[in-house]
Amino acid sequence: MSYIIYGAGGHAKVIIDILHANHEMIIGVVDDYFKAKEFKGIPVLGKSEDIKRIVKDYPDARFLVAIGNNNIRMNIVKQLEYFNIKWGTAIHPSAIIGSEVTIGEGTVMMPNVVVNADSVIGKHTILNTATTVDHDCSIADYVHLSPGVHTAGGVSIGERTHIGIAASLIPGVHVGKDTIVGASSCVLSDLPDEIVAVGCPAKMIKNLKDKG
């Protein structure tokens, strides 16, 4: 299988390593701001304005969006879907995937990730280095679990939510969509949509619905 990576930053570097570890072919990189002709030895094929040509040149390629920010990643995905592209996944060979796990298209799982039985991982989601998702969890589309995040069984996380590095979530809690959980926080009870929560236990420090 051959891949094209959208984005030429730190997240792309990790995805390139994952694809190389899986002996996959990387055709090139697309980025609006990277000015060199190669990124990590991989040709830069053009910018977003060149996608139509790139898809025509490589009709069988799978795309991955290598952008860590959830909203930016989602917006790019929606723009690219106009061209009816094919999506891939990037799962590091050290990842452990349990039985009856569902993984959405465009999702990336970095080294030493564990996803246990009967969990559902959404589309274009990032499970960063050494995150663990226990049994019967539901992780929605465009979520980013930072390195070292641990979710116990039966946890659910809404769309576009970002869980900070080394945070922990106890069994059965729900975190709403568009929420940010701070690094090393302990989520001991449900958290609503569109807030920032930090601490142990995690408490709201900002309501993102407030525009002032």
Protein backbone atom coordinates (compact mmCIF):
# COMPACT_ATOMS: atom_id res chain seq x y z
CA MET A 1 0.00 0.00 0.00
CA SER A 2 1.24 3.52 -0.77
CA TYR A 3 0.71 6.65 1.30
CA ILE A 4 0.65 10.42 0.97
CA ILE A 5 1.04 12.43 4.16
CA TYR A 6 -0.61 15.83 4.58
CA GLY A 7 1.59 17.90 6.88
CA ALA A 8 5.34 18.30 7.32
CA GLY A 9 5.85 18.74 11.06
CA GLY A 10 6.65 16.71 14.13
CA HIS A 11 3.53 14.56 13.92
CA ALA A 12 4.41 13.69 10.32
CA LYS A 13 7.85 12.50 11.44
CA VAL A 14 6.26 9.93 13.75
CA ILE A 15 3.81 8.77 11.08
CA ILE A 16 6.70 8.34 8.64
CA ASP A 17 8.50 6.17 11.20
CA ILE A 18 5.35 4.07 11.69
CA LEU A 19 4.89 3.52 7.97
CA HIS A 20 8.57 2.65 7.54
CA ALA A 21 8.30 0.17 10.43
CA ASN A 22 5.40 -1.45 8.57
CA HIS A 23 7.40 -1.48 5.29
CA GLU A 24 4.83 0.73 3.59
CA MET A 25 5.63 2.96 0.61
CA ILE A 26 5.47 6.72 1.17
CA ILE A 27 4.94 8.55 -2.12
CA GLY A 28 5.26 12.06 -0.76
CA VAL A 29 4.19 14.87 1.52
CA VAL A 30 1.76 17.75 0.99
CA ASP A 31 2.20 20.97 2.98
CA ASP A 32 1.23 24.61 2.44
CA TYR A 33 4.17 26.08 4.33
CA PHE A 34 7.13 23.70 4.00
CA LYS A 35 9.45 25.20 1.40
CA ALA A 36 12.08 22.48 0.82
CA LYS A 37 11.73 19.88 -1.92
CA GLU A 38 12.07 16.97 0.51
CA PHE A 39 10.92 16.23 4.05
CA LYS A 40 12.81 13.47 5.86
CA GLY A 41 14.03 12.33 2.45
CA ILE A 42 10.47 12.14 1.07
CA PRO A 43 9.43 14.31 -1.91
CA VAL A 44 7.17 17.27 -1.25
CA LEU A 45 4.45 16.89 -3.87
CA GLY A 46 2.87 20.31 -3.50
CA LYS A 47 0.34 22.29 -1.50
CA SER A 48 -3.37 21.97 -0.79
CA GLU A 49 -4.09 23.75 -4.07
CA ASP A 50 -2.36 20.85 -5.85
CA ILE A 51 -4.49 18.07 -4.34
CA LYS A 52 -6.61 17.54 -7.46
CA ARG A 53 -3.48 16.94 -9.53
CA ILE A 54 -1.89 14.76 -6.86
CA VAL A 55 -4.97 12.54 -6.55
CA LYS A 56 -5.04 12.19 -10.34
CA ASP A 57 -1.33 11.28 -10.43
CA TYR A 58 -1.64 8.74 -7.57
CA PRO A 59 -5.22 7.40 -7.64
CA ASP A 60 -4.46 4.38 -5.43
CA ALA A 61 -2.62 6.26 -2.69
CA ARG A 62 -3.95 6.38 0.87
CA PHE A 63 -3.88 9.72 2.67
CA LEU A 64 -3.09 10.49 6.31
CA VAL A 65 -3.45 13.96 7.84
CA ALA A 66 -0.43 14.53 10.09
CA ILE A 67 -1.79 17.46 12.11
CA GLY A 68 -2.01 17.22 15.90
CA ASN A 69 -4.62 19.95 16.40
CA ASN A 70 -8.02 18.29 16.30
CA ASN A 71 -10.00 21.09 14.67
CA ILE A 72 -7.38 21.82 12.04
CA ARG A 73 -7.11 18.09 11.27
CA MET A 74 -10.89 17.82 10.91
CA ASN A 75 -11.09 20.84 8.61
CA ILE A 76 -8.35 19.47 6.37
CA VAL A 77 -10.06 16.07 6.23
CA LYS A 78 -13.32 17.69 5.18
CA GLN A 79 -11.54 19.68 2.47
CA LEU A 80 -9.79 16.58 1.14
CA GLU A 81 -12.97 14.51 1.13
CA TYR A 82 -14.23 16.71 -1.70
CA PHE A 83 -11.69 14.92 -3.92
CA ASN A 84 -12.93 11.42 -2.96
CA ILE A 85 -9.53 10.37 -1.71
CA LYS A 86 -8.80 7.09 0.04
CA TRP A 87 -7.83 7.12 3.72
CA GLY A 88 -5.28 4.88 5.36
CA THR A 89 -4.37 4.09 8.96
CA ALA A 90 -0.96 4.02 10.62
CA ILE A 91 -0.59 1.51 13.45
CA HIS A 92 2.88 0.93 14.87
CA PRO A 93 3.85 -2.77 14.94
CA SER A 94 4.45 -2.54 18.70
CA ALA A 95 0.80 -1.61 19.31
CA ILE A 96 -1.38 -4.27 20.95
CA ILE A 97 -4.93 -4.46 19.61
CA GLY A 98 -7.47 -6.61 21.42
CA SER A 99 -10.31 -8.68 20.03
CA GLU A 100 -13.32 -7.04 18.37
CA VAL A 101 -11.70 -3.61 18.32
CA THR A 102 -12.99 -1.18 15.67
CA ILE A 103 -10.55 1.39 14.25
CA GLY A 104 -11.75 4.23 12.04
CA GLU A 105 -10.08 5.37 8.85
CA GLY A 106 -7.32 7.95 9.09
CA THR A 107 -6.43 6.99 12.65
CA VAL A 108 -2.85 6.84 13.93
CA MET A 109 -1.57 4.62 16.74
CA MET A 110 1.98 5.32 17.86
CA PRO A 111 4.53 3.00 19.52
CA ASN A 112 3.44 0.91 22.52
CA VAL A 113 -0.26 1.79 22.32
CA VAL A 114 -2.65 -0.76 23.84
CA VAL A 115 -6.34 -0.97 22.89
CA ASN A 116 -8.22 -3.72 24.67
CA ALA A 117 -11.24 -5.81 23.71
CA ASP A 118 -14.48 -4.37 22.30
CA SER A 119 -13.29 -0.78 22.16
CA VAL A 120 -14.23 1.56 19.32
CA ILE A 121 -11.71 4.10 18.03
CA GLY A 122 -13.15 6.78 15.74
CA LYS A 123 -11.94 8.26 12.47
CA HIS A 124 -8.85 10.47 12.20
CA THR A 125 -8.04 9.96 15.86
CA ILE A 126 -4.56 10.04 17.39
CA LEU A 127 -3.49 7.56 20.06
CA ASN A 128 -0.09 8.89 20.97
CA THR A 129 2.93 7.07 22.34
CA ALA A 130 2.21 4.49 25.09
CA THR A 131 -1.46 5.39 25.55
CA THR A 132 -3.71 2.63 26.84
CA VAL A 133 -7.42 2.24 26.12
CA ASP A 134 -9.03 -0.51 28.14
CA HIS A 135 -12.01 -2.71 27.26
CA ASP A 136 -15.34 -1.36 26.03
CA CYS A 137 -14.19 2.23 25.52
CA SER A 138 -15.59 4.57 22.89
CA ILE A 139 -13.20 7.19 21.50
CA ALA A 140 -14.94 9.46 18.99
CA ASP A 141 -13.68 11.00 15.74
CA TYR A 142 -10.81 13.54 15.77
CA VAL A 143 -9.84 12.86 19.39
CA HIS A 144 -6.19 13.19 20.44
CA LEU A 145 -4.93 11.13 23.38
CA SER A 146 -1.50 12.49 24.28
CA PRO A 147 1.49 10.30 25.26
CA GLY A 148 0.94 8.20 28.35
CA VAL A 149 -2.82 8.70 28.66
CA HIS A 150 -4.58 5.80 30.40
CA THR A 151 -8.30 5.15 30.14
CA ALA A 152 -9.89 2.42 32.24
CA GLY A 153 -12.72 0.26 30.95
CA GLY A 154 -15.97 1.71 29.64
CA VAL A 155 -14.69 5.26 29.15
CA SER A 156 -16.24 7.41 26.42
CA ILE A 157 -14.68 10.54 24.90
CA GLY A 158 -16.51 12.93 22.56
CA GLU A 159 -15.44 14.34 19.22
CA ARG A 160 -12.39 16.61 18.95
CA THR A 161 -11.50 16.31 22.63
CA HIS A 162 -7.84 16.51 23.63
CA ILE A 163 -6.59 14.54 26.63
CA GLY A 164 -3.25 15.87 27.90
CA ILE A 165 -0.08 13.92 28.49
CA ALA A 166 -0.18 11.28 31.27
CA ALA A 167 -3.82 11.95 32.20
CA SER A 168 -5.84 9.08 33.69
CA LEU A 169 -9.56 8.33 33.40
CA ILE A 170 -11.31 5.95 35.81
CA PRO A 171 -13.80 3.29 34.68
CA GLY A 172 -17.00 4.42 33.03
CA VAL A 173 -16.45 8.19 32.93
CA HIS A 174 -17.61 10.28 29.99
CA VAL A 175 -15.72 13.29 28.64
CA GLY A 176 -17.74 15.50 26.32
CA LYS A 177 -16.84 16.81 22.89
CA ASP A 178 -14.46 19.72 22.26
CA THR A 179 -13.07 19.46 25.79
CA ILE A 180 -9.45 19.78 26.91
CA VAL A 181 -8.14 17.75 29.84
CA GLY A 182 -4.83 18.98 31.22
CA ALA A 183 -1.62 17.00 31.55
CA SER A 184 -1.43 14.53 34.47
CA SER A 185 -5.06 15.16 35.38
CA CYS A 186 -7.22 12.46 36.98
CA VAL A 187 -10.73 12.29 35.55
CA LEU A 188 -12.85 10.83 38.36
CA SER A 189 -16.29 11.97 37.17
CA ASP A 190 -18.00 12.95 33.93
CA LEU A 191 -16.90 16.15 32.20
CA PRO A 192 -19.23 18.16 29.91
CA ASP A 193 -18.67 19.51 26.40
CA GLU A 194 -16.43 22.47 25.66
CA ILE A 195 -14.53 23.00 28.88
CA VAL A 196 -10.94 22.96 30.07
CA ALA A 197 -10.43 20.70 33.11
CA VAL A 198 -7.24 20.16 35.12
CA GLY A 199 -6.10 18.61 38.36
CA CYS A 200 -6.71 15.50 40.43
CA PRO A 201 -9.62 15.25 40.49
CA ALA A 202 -10.06 17.14 37.21
CA LYS A 203 -12.15 20.30 37.67
CA MET A 204 -13.32 22.86 35.15
CA ILE A 205 -11.15 25.99 35.01
CA LYS A 206 -12.61 27.45 31.82
CA ASN A 207 -15.84 27.20 29.88
CA LEU A 208 -14.97 27.29 26.19
CA LYS A 209 -18.53 28.30 25.34
CA ASP A 210 -17.81 31.70 26.89
CA LYS A 211 -16.63 33.90 24.05
CA GLY A 212 -15.66 36.86 26.20
